[in-house]
N, C-alpha and C. Protein backbone atom coordinates (compact mmCIF):
# COMPACT_ATOMS: atom_id res chain seq x y z
N MET A 1 0.84 -1.18 0.00
CA MET A 1 0.00 0.00 0.00
C MET A 1 0.88 1.25 0.00
N ASP A 2 0.55 2.19 -0.84
CA ASP A 2 1.33 3.42 -0.93
C ASP A 2 0.96 4.37 0.20
N GLU A 3 1.95 5.17 0.59
CA GLU A 3 1.79 6.11 1.70
C GLU A 3 0.99 7.34 1.27
N VAL A 4 0.15 7.82 2.18
CA VAL A 4 -0.59 9.06 1.96
C VAL A 4 0.32 10.21 2.39
N LYS A 5 0.43 11.21 1.52
CA LYS A 5 1.26 12.38 1.81
C LYS A 5 0.36 13.60 1.88
N LEU A 6 0.88 14.64 2.51
CA LEU A 6 0.15 15.90 2.67
C LEU A 6 1.04 17.04 2.22
N LYS A 7 0.47 17.94 1.43
CA LYS A 7 1.23 19.11 0.98
C LYS A 7 0.33 20.33 1.08
N PHE A 8 0.89 21.42 1.65
CA PHE A 8 0.19 22.70 1.78
C PHE A 8 0.89 23.76 0.95
N ASN A 9 0.10 24.74 0.50
CA ASN A 9 0.70 25.94 -0.08
C ASN A 9 0.68 27.03 0.98
N GLN A 10 1.07 28.22 0.63
CA GLN A 10 1.17 29.31 1.59
C GLN A 10 -0.18 29.82 2.09
N ASP A 11 -1.26 29.47 1.45
CA ASP A 11 -2.59 29.93 1.84
C ASP A 11 -3.36 28.92 2.68
N ALA A 12 -2.69 27.92 3.24
CA ALA A 12 -3.30 26.86 4.05
C ALA A 12 -4.23 25.98 3.24
N ARG A 13 -4.10 26.02 1.93
CA ARG A 13 -4.81 25.08 1.06
C ARG A 13 -3.89 23.88 0.89
N GLY A 14 -4.47 22.73 0.85
CA GLY A 14 -3.62 21.56 0.75
C GLY A 14 -4.28 20.39 0.07
N ILE A 15 -3.50 19.33 -0.07
CA ILE A 15 -4.02 18.07 -0.58
C ILE A 15 -3.37 16.92 0.17
N PHE A 16 -4.19 15.92 0.45
CA PHE A 16 -3.69 14.61 0.81
C PHE A 16 -3.62 13.86 -0.52
N PHE A 17 -2.53 13.16 -0.75
CA PHE A 17 -2.43 12.45 -2.02
C PHE A 17 -1.65 11.15 -1.86
N ILE A 18 -1.87 10.26 -2.82
CA ILE A 18 -1.18 8.98 -2.88
C ILE A 18 -0.51 8.91 -4.24
N GLU A 19 0.79 8.61 -4.22
CA GLU A 19 1.57 8.48 -5.45
C GLU A 19 2.16 7.09 -5.54
N SER A 20 2.37 6.67 -6.76
CA SER A 20 3.10 5.44 -7.02
C SER A 20 3.96 5.67 -8.25
N ASN A 21 5.25 5.43 -8.11
CA ASN A 21 6.19 5.65 -9.21
C ASN A 21 6.08 7.05 -9.80
N GLY A 22 5.91 8.04 -8.94
CA GLY A 22 5.85 9.43 -9.38
C GLY A 22 4.52 9.84 -9.99
N GLU A 23 3.55 8.95 -10.02
CA GLU A 23 2.24 9.25 -10.59
C GLU A 23 1.20 9.36 -9.48
N GLN A 24 0.43 10.44 -9.48
CA GLN A 24 -0.60 10.64 -8.46
C GLN A 24 -1.79 9.72 -8.76
N LEU A 25 -2.09 8.84 -7.79
CA LEU A 25 -3.19 7.89 -7.95
C LEU A 25 -4.50 8.42 -7.39
N ALA A 26 -4.42 9.21 -6.31
CA ALA A 26 -5.62 9.72 -5.67
C ALA A 26 -5.28 10.97 -4.88
N LYS A 27 -6.31 11.84 -4.69
CA LYS A 27 -6.08 13.05 -3.90
C LYS A 27 -7.40 13.53 -3.32
N ILE A 28 -7.27 14.31 -2.25
CA ILE A 28 -8.41 15.00 -1.68
C ILE A 28 -7.96 16.43 -1.36
N ASP A 29 -8.73 17.40 -1.82
CA ASP A 29 -8.42 18.80 -1.59
C ASP A 29 -8.97 19.25 -0.24
N ILE A 30 -8.17 20.02 0.49
CA ILE A 30 -8.56 20.50 1.81
C ILE A 30 -8.16 21.96 2.01
N ASP A 31 -8.80 22.58 2.99
CA ASP A 31 -8.41 23.89 3.50
C ASP A 31 -8.41 23.78 5.02
N VAL A 32 -7.49 24.49 5.66
CA VAL A 32 -7.53 24.62 7.11
C VAL A 32 -7.89 26.07 7.39
N ILE A 33 -9.04 26.24 8.02
CA ILE A 33 -9.55 27.58 8.33
C ILE A 33 -9.86 27.62 9.82
N ASN A 34 -9.08 28.42 10.55
CA ASN A 34 -9.20 28.47 12.01
C ASN A 34 -9.03 27.07 12.57
N SER A 35 -10.04 26.55 13.26
CA SER A 35 -9.92 25.20 13.83
C SER A 35 -10.73 24.18 13.03
N ASN A 36 -10.95 24.49 11.75
CA ASN A 36 -11.71 23.59 10.88
C ASN A 36 -10.85 23.04 9.75
N LEU A 37 -11.11 21.79 9.44
CA LEU A 37 -10.51 21.13 8.29
C LEU A 37 -11.62 20.97 7.26
N VAL A 38 -11.58 21.78 6.22
CA VAL A 38 -12.63 21.79 5.20
C VAL A 38 -12.22 20.84 4.09
N VAL A 39 -13.07 19.86 3.85
CA VAL A 39 -12.77 18.79 2.89
C VAL A 39 -13.58 19.03 1.62
N HIS A 40 -12.87 19.00 0.49
CA HIS A 40 -13.51 19.23 -0.81
C HIS A 40 -13.54 17.92 -1.60
N GLU A 41 -13.27 17.99 -2.86
CA GLU A 41 -13.42 16.82 -3.71
C GLU A 41 -12.28 15.82 -3.60
N MET A 42 -12.62 14.57 -3.92
CA MET A 42 -11.65 13.47 -3.98
C MET A 42 -11.61 12.97 -5.41
N ASN A 43 -10.44 12.56 -5.83
CA ASN A 43 -10.29 11.94 -7.14
C ASN A 43 -9.37 10.75 -7.01
N ALA A 44 -9.69 9.70 -7.75
CA ALA A 44 -8.82 8.53 -7.79
C ALA A 44 -8.80 7.99 -9.22
N ARG A 45 -7.64 7.51 -9.62
CA ARG A 45 -7.47 6.97 -10.97
C ARG A 45 -7.90 5.52 -11.08
N GLU A 46 -7.78 4.78 -9.97
CA GLU A 46 -8.10 3.35 -9.95
C GLU A 46 -8.34 2.93 -8.50
N ASN A 47 -8.83 1.72 -8.30
CA ASN A 47 -9.08 1.21 -6.95
C ASN A 47 -9.70 2.28 -6.06
N GLU A 48 -10.72 2.90 -6.58
CA GLU A 48 -11.30 4.08 -5.93
C GLU A 48 -11.63 3.85 -4.46
N ASP A 49 -12.34 2.80 -4.13
CA ASP A 49 -12.76 2.59 -2.74
C ASP A 49 -11.58 2.43 -1.80
N LEU A 50 -10.59 1.66 -2.19
CA LEU A 50 -9.41 1.45 -1.35
C LEU A 50 -8.63 2.74 -1.16
N LEU A 51 -8.41 3.48 -2.23
CA LEU A 51 -7.66 4.73 -2.14
C LEU A 51 -8.43 5.78 -1.34
N TYR A 52 -9.73 5.86 -1.56
CA TYR A 52 -10.55 6.81 -0.80
C TYR A 52 -10.49 6.50 0.68
N LEU A 53 -10.52 5.22 1.03
CA LEU A 53 -10.44 4.83 2.44
C LEU A 53 -9.10 5.24 3.04
N GLN A 54 -8.02 5.05 2.30
CA GLN A 54 -6.70 5.48 2.78
C GLN A 54 -6.67 6.99 3.02
N LEU A 55 -7.21 7.75 2.09
CA LEU A 55 -7.25 9.20 2.23
C LEU A 55 -8.11 9.60 3.43
N PHE A 56 -9.25 8.94 3.59
CA PHE A 56 -10.14 9.24 4.71
C PHE A 56 -9.44 8.99 6.04
N GLU A 57 -8.76 7.88 6.16
CA GLU A 57 -8.06 7.55 7.40
C GLU A 57 -6.96 8.57 7.71
N ALA A 58 -6.25 9.02 6.68
CA ALA A 58 -5.23 10.05 6.88
C ALA A 58 -5.86 11.37 7.31
N LEU A 59 -6.99 11.69 6.73
CA LEU A 59 -7.73 12.90 7.07
C LEU A 59 -8.16 12.88 8.54
N ILE A 60 -8.70 11.78 8.99
CA ILE A 60 -9.13 11.64 10.38
C ILE A 60 -7.93 11.77 11.32
N SER A 61 -6.85 11.10 11.00
CA SER A 61 -5.64 11.17 11.84
C SER A 61 -5.12 12.60 11.94
N TYR A 62 -5.09 13.30 10.82
CA TYR A 62 -4.61 14.68 10.81
C TYR A 62 -5.52 15.57 11.67
N ALA A 63 -6.83 15.42 11.49
CA ALA A 63 -7.78 16.23 12.27
C ALA A 63 -7.60 15.97 13.77
N ARG A 64 -7.43 14.73 14.14
CA ARG A 64 -7.25 14.40 15.56
C ARG A 64 -5.93 14.95 16.09
N GLU A 65 -4.90 14.80 15.34
CA GLU A 65 -3.57 15.25 15.76
C GLU A 65 -3.51 16.77 15.96
N HIS A 66 -4.30 17.50 15.17
CA HIS A 66 -4.26 18.96 15.20
C HIS A 66 -5.52 19.58 15.81
N TYR A 67 -6.35 18.75 16.44
CA TYR A 67 -7.56 19.21 17.13
C TYR A 67 -8.46 20.04 16.22
N LEU A 68 -8.71 19.51 15.03
CA LEU A 68 -9.55 20.20 14.04
C LEU A 68 -10.90 19.51 13.93
N LYS A 69 -11.90 20.30 13.55
CA LYS A 69 -13.23 19.77 13.25
C LYS A 69 -13.40 19.73 11.74
N ILE A 70 -13.95 18.64 11.25
CA ILE A 70 -14.12 18.45 9.81
C ILE A 70 -15.44 19.06 9.35
N ILE A 71 -15.34 19.79 8.27
CA ILE A 71 -16.50 20.30 7.54
C ILE A 71 -16.35 19.74 6.13
N THR A 72 -17.39 19.10 5.62
CA THR A 72 -17.23 18.48 4.31
C THR A 72 -18.45 18.64 3.42
N THR A 73 -18.18 18.76 2.14
CA THR A 73 -19.21 18.68 1.11
C THR A 73 -18.98 17.43 0.27
N ASN A 74 -17.97 16.66 0.64
CA ASN A 74 -17.62 15.45 -0.08
C ASN A 74 -18.54 14.31 0.35
N ARG A 75 -19.18 13.66 -0.60
CA ARG A 75 -20.16 12.60 -0.29
C ARG A 75 -19.52 11.40 0.39
N PHE A 76 -18.34 10.98 -0.07
CA PHE A 76 -17.68 9.82 0.53
C PHE A 76 -17.35 10.10 2.00
N VAL A 77 -16.74 11.23 2.26
CA VAL A 77 -16.35 11.60 3.63
C VAL A 77 -17.60 11.76 4.49
N TYR A 78 -18.61 12.42 3.98
CA TYR A 78 -19.85 12.61 4.73
C TYR A 78 -20.48 11.27 5.11
N LYS A 79 -20.54 10.35 4.17
CA LYS A 79 -21.13 9.03 4.44
C LYS A 79 -20.33 8.28 5.50
N LYS A 80 -19.01 8.31 5.40
CA LYS A 80 -18.18 7.62 6.40
C LYS A 80 -18.39 8.24 7.79
N LEU A 81 -18.48 9.55 7.85
CA LEU A 81 -18.68 10.22 9.13
C LEU A 81 -20.06 9.91 9.72
N THR A 82 -21.08 9.92 8.90
CA THR A 82 -22.44 9.67 9.40
C THR A 82 -22.67 8.21 9.74
N ASP A 83 -22.02 7.30 9.04
CA ASP A 83 -22.17 5.87 9.33
C ASP A 83 -21.66 5.51 10.73
N ARG A 84 -20.69 6.25 11.20
CA ARG A 84 -20.09 5.98 12.51
C ARG A 84 -19.87 7.29 13.27
N SER A 85 -20.90 8.07 13.38
CA SER A 85 -20.75 9.41 13.96
C SER A 85 -20.21 9.36 15.39
N ASP A 86 -20.53 8.33 16.15
CA ASP A 86 -20.01 8.23 17.52
C ASP A 86 -18.49 8.03 17.52
N GLN A 87 -17.99 7.33 16.54
CA GLN A 87 -16.54 7.07 16.43
C GLN A 87 -15.77 8.34 16.04
N TYR A 88 -16.45 9.27 15.39
CA TYR A 88 -15.77 10.48 14.89
C TYR A 88 -16.24 11.75 15.59
N ALA A 89 -16.89 11.63 16.72
CA ALA A 89 -17.44 12.79 17.43
C ALA A 89 -16.37 13.82 17.79
N ASP A 90 -15.14 13.38 17.98
CA ASP A 90 -14.06 14.31 18.34
C ASP A 90 -13.62 15.19 17.17
N VAL A 91 -13.93 14.78 15.94
CA VAL A 91 -13.49 15.56 14.78
C VAL A 91 -14.66 16.03 13.90
N TRP A 92 -15.88 15.69 14.28
CA TRP A 92 -17.03 16.05 13.47
C TRP A 92 -18.24 16.30 14.34
N ASP A 93 -18.94 17.41 14.09
CA ASP A 93 -20.11 17.77 14.88
C ASP A 93 -21.41 17.36 14.21
N GLY A 94 -21.38 16.41 13.35
CA GLY A 94 -22.59 15.95 12.68
C GLY A 94 -23.12 16.97 11.70
N ASP A 95 -24.41 17.08 11.64
CA ASP A 95 -25.04 17.97 10.68
C ASP A 95 -24.97 19.43 11.07
N ALA A 96 -24.26 19.74 12.16
CA ALA A 96 -24.05 21.14 12.55
C ALA A 96 -23.19 21.87 11.54
N ASP A 97 -22.45 21.09 10.71
CA ASP A 97 -21.58 21.69 9.71
C ASP A 97 -22.44 22.38 8.67
């Protein structure tokens, strides 16, 4: 399994991404605004479910490590959060977003 990496620009916009042999396989666009981690679109070239799950897990870990709350318009992330809202209560306030 390839490692998920994180890269930010100077405006606190960033991406979590997965590369293999220098080629980007999947990514999720994010912004950090105050104490919120705003999650935008995800893209994957192949093995979409597996790669999306890797990105989601990295996203959760980052939010927990930096005490951020997730705000998302991304359907995959929203579904994962709502399916187990009790497990993610520390990083997500439910439909309050």
